[in-house]
């Protein structure tokens, strides 16, 4: 999409009426995000309508703003996918490197998750891991992209993890479900979360496990995240559940990467992305620590 196309698009959005100046591109892996004064415009990426429900996203984004963890939503069009939110001045977009460098940032993320999960917000979508794996496999079935060797074998192995999780079901809460580091904005005093495309009612330990993977957290960062979230040391069962989800999020997002590859998304090398995530999933599941955490989760 050219600059002229964006400027023409801006003129169609009532919430952007009266704003002047050239839009500033902020980034995005699948979408395009632009700053215009004190607001942000999100333009959805090509092909995302196949696996994202924009109505669900709009409801979740407004509920998250009401919970105090996300910027105010000024405009959300479920047909076009266009969304306008308030710009957070002075907030730093996070990355794995920023989570290591910015003192206290894992704790601030843990507190933001706690605020969201305990807000009582109800999101319209239910994030079901294994159903999503099946859905993404269906999307890929019609595309000329190869799965990593052994993918179906690991999905079959994960059935044991599914039974262990289902044996001790967690209360579902409003979750972000896609805590990519870049979806976190840190003021140094408070962490904000953006991008609610994949959000839904889910096991809260998914959010913590997925952020740990995305941020490449070490044991000390995991401990800081968990202790801030729980207000003290977590139970071994909760820690174990988080580690199980660290493997499972890589199993799921492997397929997401392949969908981006099939859609010709130029933002990254999605073949390497998918293969790397799958290799990390298999490596974690093969460690003695994973077996120990799985046993603790079952207690």
Protein backbone atom coordinates (compact mmCIF):
# COMPACT_ATOMS: atom_id res chain seq x y z
CA UNK A 1 0.00 0.00 0.00
CA UNK A 2 1.51 3.32 -1.11
CA UNK A 3 1.60 6.57 0.87
CA UNK A 4 -1.09 7.95 -1.45
CA UNK A 5 -3.30 4.92 -0.72
CA UNK A 6 -2.88 5.43 3.03
CA UNK A 7 -3.71 9.12 2.83
CA UNK A 8 -6.81 8.33 0.77
CA UNK A 9 -7.80 5.71 3.33
CA UNK A 10 -7.34 8.16 6.19
CA UNK A 11 -9.89 10.48 4.62
CA UNK A 12 -12.55 7.74 4.89
CA UNK A 13 -12.22 7.28 8.68
CA UNK A 14 -14.40 9.65 10.73
CA UNK A 15 -12.16 9.39 13.81
CA UNK A 16 -9.27 10.81 11.76
CA UNK A 17 -11.17 13.82 10.44
CA UNK A 18 -9.28 17.06 10.88
CA UNK A 19 -5.88 15.47 11.45
CA UNK A 20 -3.07 16.85 9.34
CA UNK A 21 0.49 15.89 8.60
CA UNK A 22 2.06 12.85 7.01
CA UNK A 23 1.34 9.51 8.71
CA UNK A 24 4.36 7.96 10.43
CA UNK A 25 4.80 4.21 9.83
CA UNK A 26 5.32 2.39 13.14
CA UNK A 27 5.69 -1.21 11.97
CA UNK A 28 3.82 -4.50 12.26
CA UNK A 29 4.45 -8.07 11.09
CA UNK A 30 1.11 -8.73 9.38
CA UNK A 31 -0.58 -5.33 9.65
CA UNK A 32 0.48 -1.75 8.99
CA UNK A 33 0.37 0.72 11.88
CA UNK A 34 0.63 4.48 11.48
CA UNK A 35 0.81 7.35 13.92
CA UNK A 36 -1.18 10.49 13.14
CA UNK A 37 -0.76 13.04 15.89
CA UNK A 38 -2.07 11.53 19.11
CA UNK A 39 -3.76 8.52 17.49
CA UNK A 40 -2.71 5.28 15.76
CA UNK A 41 -4.32 3.76 12.68
CA UNK A 42 -4.09 0.00 12.18
CA UNK A 43 -4.57 -1.29 8.62
CA UNK A 44 -5.05 -5.07 8.46
CA UNK A 45 -2.69 -7.23 6.45
CA UNK A 46 -3.66 -9.10 3.31
CA UNK A 47 -5.20 -12.50 3.97
CA UNK A 48 -5.82 -11.95 7.68
CA UNK A 49 -9.58 -12.14 7.16
CA UNK A 50 -9.16 -15.92 6.70
CA UNK A 51 -8.25 -16.49 10.33
CA UNK A 52 -9.12 -13.33 12.35
CA UNK A 53 -12.62 -12.28 13.40
CA UNK A 54 -12.54 -8.48 13.49
CA UNK A 55 -15.79 -8.24 15.44
CA UNK A 56 -14.33 -10.29 18.25
CA UNK A 57 -11.17 -8.21 18.14
CA UNK A 58 -13.08 -4.91 18.44
CA UNK A 59 -15.04 -6.13 21.47
CA UNK A 60 -11.87 -7.41 23.15
CA UNK A 61 -9.89 -4.23 22.44
CA UNK A 62 -12.59 -2.08 24.03
CA UNK A 63 -12.87 -4.41 27.03
CA UNK A 64 -9.09 -4.38 27.50
CA UNK A 65 -9.12 -0.58 27.38
CA UNK A 66 -11.86 -0.62 30.01
CA UNK A 67 -9.68 -2.87 32.16
CA UNK A 68 -6.91 -0.27 31.99
CA UNK A 69 -4.36 -2.37 30.12
CA UNK A 70 -4.79 -1.06 26.56
CA UNK A 71 -5.25 2.32 24.86
CA UNK A 72 -8.69 3.78 24.22
CA UNK A 73 -10.37 2.57 21.02
CA UNK A 74 -11.66 5.51 18.97
CA UNK A 75 -12.83 3.60 15.89
CA UNK A 76 -13.13 -0.08 14.93
CA UNK A 77 -14.70 -1.20 11.65
CA UNK A 78 -15.26 -4.98 11.64
CA UNK A 79 -15.83 -4.99 7.88
CA UNK A 80 -12.60 -3.30 6.80
CA UNK A 81 -10.57 -4.18 9.88
CA UNK A 82 -9.48 -0.57 10.31
CA UNK A 83 -8.90 0.44 13.93
CA UNK A 84 -7.95 3.75 15.51
CA UNK A 85 -6.61 3.92 19.07
CA UNK A 86 -5.10 6.58 21.29
CA UNK A 87 -1.31 6.94 20.94
CA UNK A 88 0.64 6.36 24.17
CA UNK A 89 3.21 9.13 24.27
CA UNK A 90 6.48 8.23 25.97
CA UNK A 91 5.91 4.46 25.87
CA UNK A 92 8.75 2.25 24.63
CA UNK A 93 7.89 -0.58 22.21
CA UNK A 94 9.29 -3.73 23.73
CA UNK A 95 11.54 -6.43 22.28
CA UNK A 96 13.45 -9.36 23.80
CA UNK A 97 16.42 -7.02 24.20
CA UNK A 98 14.27 -4.36 25.89
CA UNK A 99 12.84 -6.91 28.33
CA UNK A 100 16.42 -7.69 29.35
CA UNK A 101 17.58 -4.07 29.49
CA UNK A 102 14.61 -2.30 31.08
CA UNK A 103 14.75 -3.01 34.78
CA UNK A 104 11.51 -4.41 36.18
CA UNK A 105 9.84 -4.85 32.80
CA UNK A 106 8.98 -8.59 33.25
CA UNK A 107 7.31 -7.67 36.55
CA UNK A 108 5.34 -4.84 34.91
CA UNK A 109 4.16 -7.28 32.23
CA UNK A 110 3.11 -9.72 34.96
CA UNK A 111 1.11 -6.99 36.69
CA UNK A 112 -0.57 -6.02 33.40
CA UNK A 113 -1.59 -9.64 32.84
CA UNK A 114 -2.90 -9.87 36.39
CA UNK A 115 -4.98 -6.71 35.88
CA UNK A 116 -6.45 -8.11 32.65
CA UNK A 117 -7.06 -11.64 33.90
CA UNK A 118 -8.74 -10.44 37.11
CA UNK A 119 -10.76 -7.66 35.49
CA UNK A 120 -13.86 -9.77 34.94
CA UNK A 121 -13.81 -8.84 31.24
CA UNK A 122 -15.53 -11.32 28.94
CA UNK A 123 -14.19 -11.72 25.40
CA UNK A 124 -16.49 -13.21 22.73
CA UNK A 125 -13.96 -15.74 21.40
CA UNK A 126 -12.76 -18.86 23.20
CA UNK A 127 -9.10 -19.53 22.44
CA UNK A 128 -8.85 -23.32 22.16
CA UNK A 129 -5.31 -24.43 21.39
CA UNK A 130 -5.94 -27.76 19.73
CA UNK A 131 -8.97 -26.54 17.80
CA UNK A 132 -6.81 -23.69 16.47
CA UNK A 133 -4.09 -26.12 15.42
CA UNK A 134 -6.71 -28.04 13.45
CA UNK A 135 -8.10 -24.83 11.96
CA UNK A 136 -4.67 -23.63 10.84
CA UNK A 137 -3.90 -27.05 9.35
CA UNK A 138 -7.14 -26.74 7.37
CA UNK A 139 -6.09 -23.30 6.11
CA UNK A 140 -2.71 -24.70 5.05
CA UNK A 141 -4.24 -27.75 3.36
CA UNK A 142 -5.18 -25.59 0.39
CA UNK A 143 -1.79 -23.89 0.13
CA UNK A 144 1.51 -24.99 -1.39
CA UNK A 145 3.58 -24.90 1.80
CA UNK A 146 5.24 -27.88 3.47
CA UNK A 147 4.96 -28.56 7.18
CA UNK A 148 8.23 -29.12 9.07
CA UNK A 149 9.21 -32.80 9.08
CA UNK A 150 7.65 -34.56 12.06
CA UNK A 151 5.01 -31.92 12.76
CA UNK A 152 2.11 -34.37 12.89
CA UNK A 153 4.14 -36.68 15.15
CA UNK A 154 4.55 -33.89 17.70
CA UNK A 155 0.85 -33.03 17.48
CA UNK A 156 0.10 -36.67 18.29
CA UNK A 157 2.57 -36.57 21.20
CA UNK A 158 0.90 -33.39 22.46
CA UNK A 159 -2.32 -35.33 23.00
CA UNK A 160 -0.77 -36.51 26.26
CA UNK A 161 -0.25 -32.90 27.30
CA UNK A 162 -3.83 -32.14 26.32
CA UNK A 163 -5.11 -34.88 28.61
CA UNK A 164 -2.92 -33.63 31.46
CA UNK A 165 -4.22 -30.07 31.06
CA UNK A 166 -7.83 -31.21 30.72
CA UNK A 167 -7.55 -33.32 33.87
CA UNK A 168 -7.04 -30.15 35.89
CA UNK A 169 -8.90 -27.46 33.92
CA UNK A 170 -8.21 -23.83 34.66
CA UNK A 171 -10.90 -21.19 35.01
CA UNK A 172 -10.99 -19.35 31.69
CA UNK A 173 -10.32 -15.60 31.78
CA UNK A 174 -9.90 -12.79 29.26
CA UNK A 175 -6.45 -13.32 27.73
CA UNK A 176 -4.36 -11.58 25.10
CA UNK A 177 -3.21 -14.92 23.62
CA UNK A 178 -0.57 -13.40 21.31
CA UNK A 179 1.92 -11.65 23.62
CA UNK A 180 4.58 -10.82 21.07
CA UNK A 181 7.09 -8.49 22.73
CA UNK A 182 6.22 -5.72 20.30
CA UNK A 183 2.64 -5.82 21.59
CA UNK A 184 3.90 -4.42 24.91
CA UNK A 185 4.47 -0.70 25.45
CA UNK A 186 6.44 0.25 28.57
CA UNK A 187 6.45 3.66 30.22
CA UNK A 188 8.91 2.52 32.89
CA UNK A 189 6.11 2.72 35.44
CA UNK A 190 3.38 0.76 33.68
CA UNK A 191 3.14 -1.81 30.91
CA UNK A 192 0.41 -1.49 28.28
CA UNK A 193 -0.70 -4.22 25.86
CA UNK A 194 -1.95 -3.71 22.29
CA UNK A 195 -3.17 -5.83 19.35
CA UNK A 196 -6.13 -8.00 20.36
CA UNK A 197 -6.54 -9.99 17.12
CA UNK A 198 -6.11 -13.41 18.73
CA UNK A 199 -7.56 -12.60 22.15
CA UNK A 200 -10.13 -14.78 23.83
CA UNK A 201 -11.16 -16.61 26.95
CA UNK A 202 -8.25 -18.87 27.79
CA UNK A 203 -6.12 -20.44 30.51
CA UNK A 204 -4.20 -17.47 32.01
CA UNK A 205 -0.94 -19.44 32.06
CA UNK A 206 -0.96 -19.38 28.26
CA UNK A 207 -0.29 -15.63 28.30
CA UNK A 208 2.65 -15.96 30.68
CA UNK A 209 4.17 -18.95 28.91
CA UNK A 210 3.85 -17.36 25.48
CA UNK A 211 5.44 -14.07 26.61
CA UNK A 212 8.32 -16.04 28.14
CA UNK A 213 8.92 -17.70 24.75
CA UNK A 214 8.53 -14.50 22.71
CA UNK A 215 10.85 -12.59 25.02
CA UNK A 216 13.35 -15.43 25.26
CA UNK A 217 13.16 -15.10 29.04
CA UNK A 218 15.71 -16.80 31.23
CA UNK A 219 14.88 -18.41 34.58
CA UNK A 220 15.31 -15.14 36.48
CA UNK A 221 12.92 -13.31 34.13
CA UNK A 222 10.38 -16.13 34.39
CA UNK A 223 10.58 -15.90 38.18
CA UNK A 224 10.11 -12.11 38.09
CA UNK A 225 7.12 -12.42 35.75
CA UNK A 226 5.46 -15.14 37.84
CA UNK A 227 6.09 -13.53 41.22
CA UNK A 228 4.65 -10.20 40.09
CA UNK A 229 1.62 -11.97 38.61
CA UNK A 230 0.90 -14.08 41.68
CA UNK A 231 2.11 -11.59 44.29
CA UNK A 232 4.66 -14.14 45.47
CA UNK A 233 6.17 -17.46 44.50
CA UNK A 234 3.84 -19.49 42.22
CA UNK A 235 2.68 -22.98 43.05
CA UNK A 236 4.73 -25.67 41.24
CA UNK A 237 1.55 -26.71 39.41
CA UNK A 238 1.06 -23.20 37.98
CA UNK A 239 4.71 -22.92 36.99
CA UNK A 240 4.49 -26.36 35.38
CA UNK A 241 1.39 -25.35 33.42
CA UNK A 242 3.17 -22.25 32.16
CA UNK A 243 6.11 -24.35 30.89
CA UNK A 244 3.78 -26.77 29.09
CA UNK A 245 2.29 -23.79 27.26
CA UNK A 246 5.76 -22.57 26.30
CA UNK A 247 6.07 -25.65 24.10
CA UNK A 248 2.48 -25.53 22.87
CA UNK A 249 2.61 -21.90 21.77
CA UNK A 250 5.57 -22.73 19.53
CA UNK A 251 3.62 -25.68 18.11
CA UNK A 252 0.70 -23.39 17.23
CA UNK A 253 2.64 -20.38 15.97
CA UNK A 254 4.69 -22.64 13.68
CA UNK A 255 1.51 -22.94 11.62
CA UNK A 256 0.83 -19.20 11.82
CA UNK A 257 4.27 -18.59 10.31
CA UNK A 258 3.53 -20.98 7.47
CA UNK A 259 0.27 -19.16 6.74
CA UNK A 260 2.24 -15.90 6.47
CA UNK A 261 4.65 -17.65 4.11
CA UNK A 262 1.76 -18.93 1.99
CA UNK A 263 0.23 -15.44 1.89
CA UNK A 264 3.50 -13.93 0.62
CA UNK A 265 3.98 -11.70 3.68
CA UNK A 266 7.31 -9.90 3.08
CA UNK A 267 7.81 -8.76 6.71
CA UNK A 268 10.06 -11.68 7.68
CA UNK A 269 11.60 -14.97 6.54
CA UNK A 270 8.59 -16.99 7.63
CA UNK A 271 10.06 -20.32 6.51
CA UNK A 272 12.90 -19.84 8.96
CA UNK A 273 10.46 -18.48 11.54
CA UNK A 274 8.23 -21.57 11.37
CA UNK A 275 11.08 -24.08 11.29
CA UNK A 276 12.80 -22.34 14.21
CA UNK A 277 9.67 -22.35 16.35
CA UNK A 278 9.02 -26.01 15.67
CA UNK A 279 12.62 -26.94 16.48
CA UNK A 280 12.38 -25.00 19.78
CA UNK A 281 9.12 -26.80 20.66
CA UNK A 282 10.69 -30.23 20.10
CA UNK A 283 13.83 -29.28 21.99
CA UNK A 284 11.89 -28.10 25.06
CA UNK A 285 9.64 -31.18 25.10
CA UNK A 286 12.75 -33.41 25.08
CA UNK A 287 14.32 -31.87 28.21
CA UNK A 288 14.17 -33.46 31.69
CA UNK A 289 12.94 -30.10 33.04
CA UNK A 290 9.88 -30.30 30.79
CA UNK A 291 9.01 -33.74 32.17
CA UNK A 292 9.46 -32.42 35.70
CA UNK A 293 7.19 -29.42 35.07
CA UNK A 294 4.58 -31.63 33.41
CA UNK A 295 4.57 -33.87 36.50
CA UNK A 296 4.21 -30.81 38.76
CA UNK A 297 1.29 -29.54 36.68
CA UNK A 298 -0.54 -32.80 37.33
CA UNK A 299 -0.25 -32.48 41.13
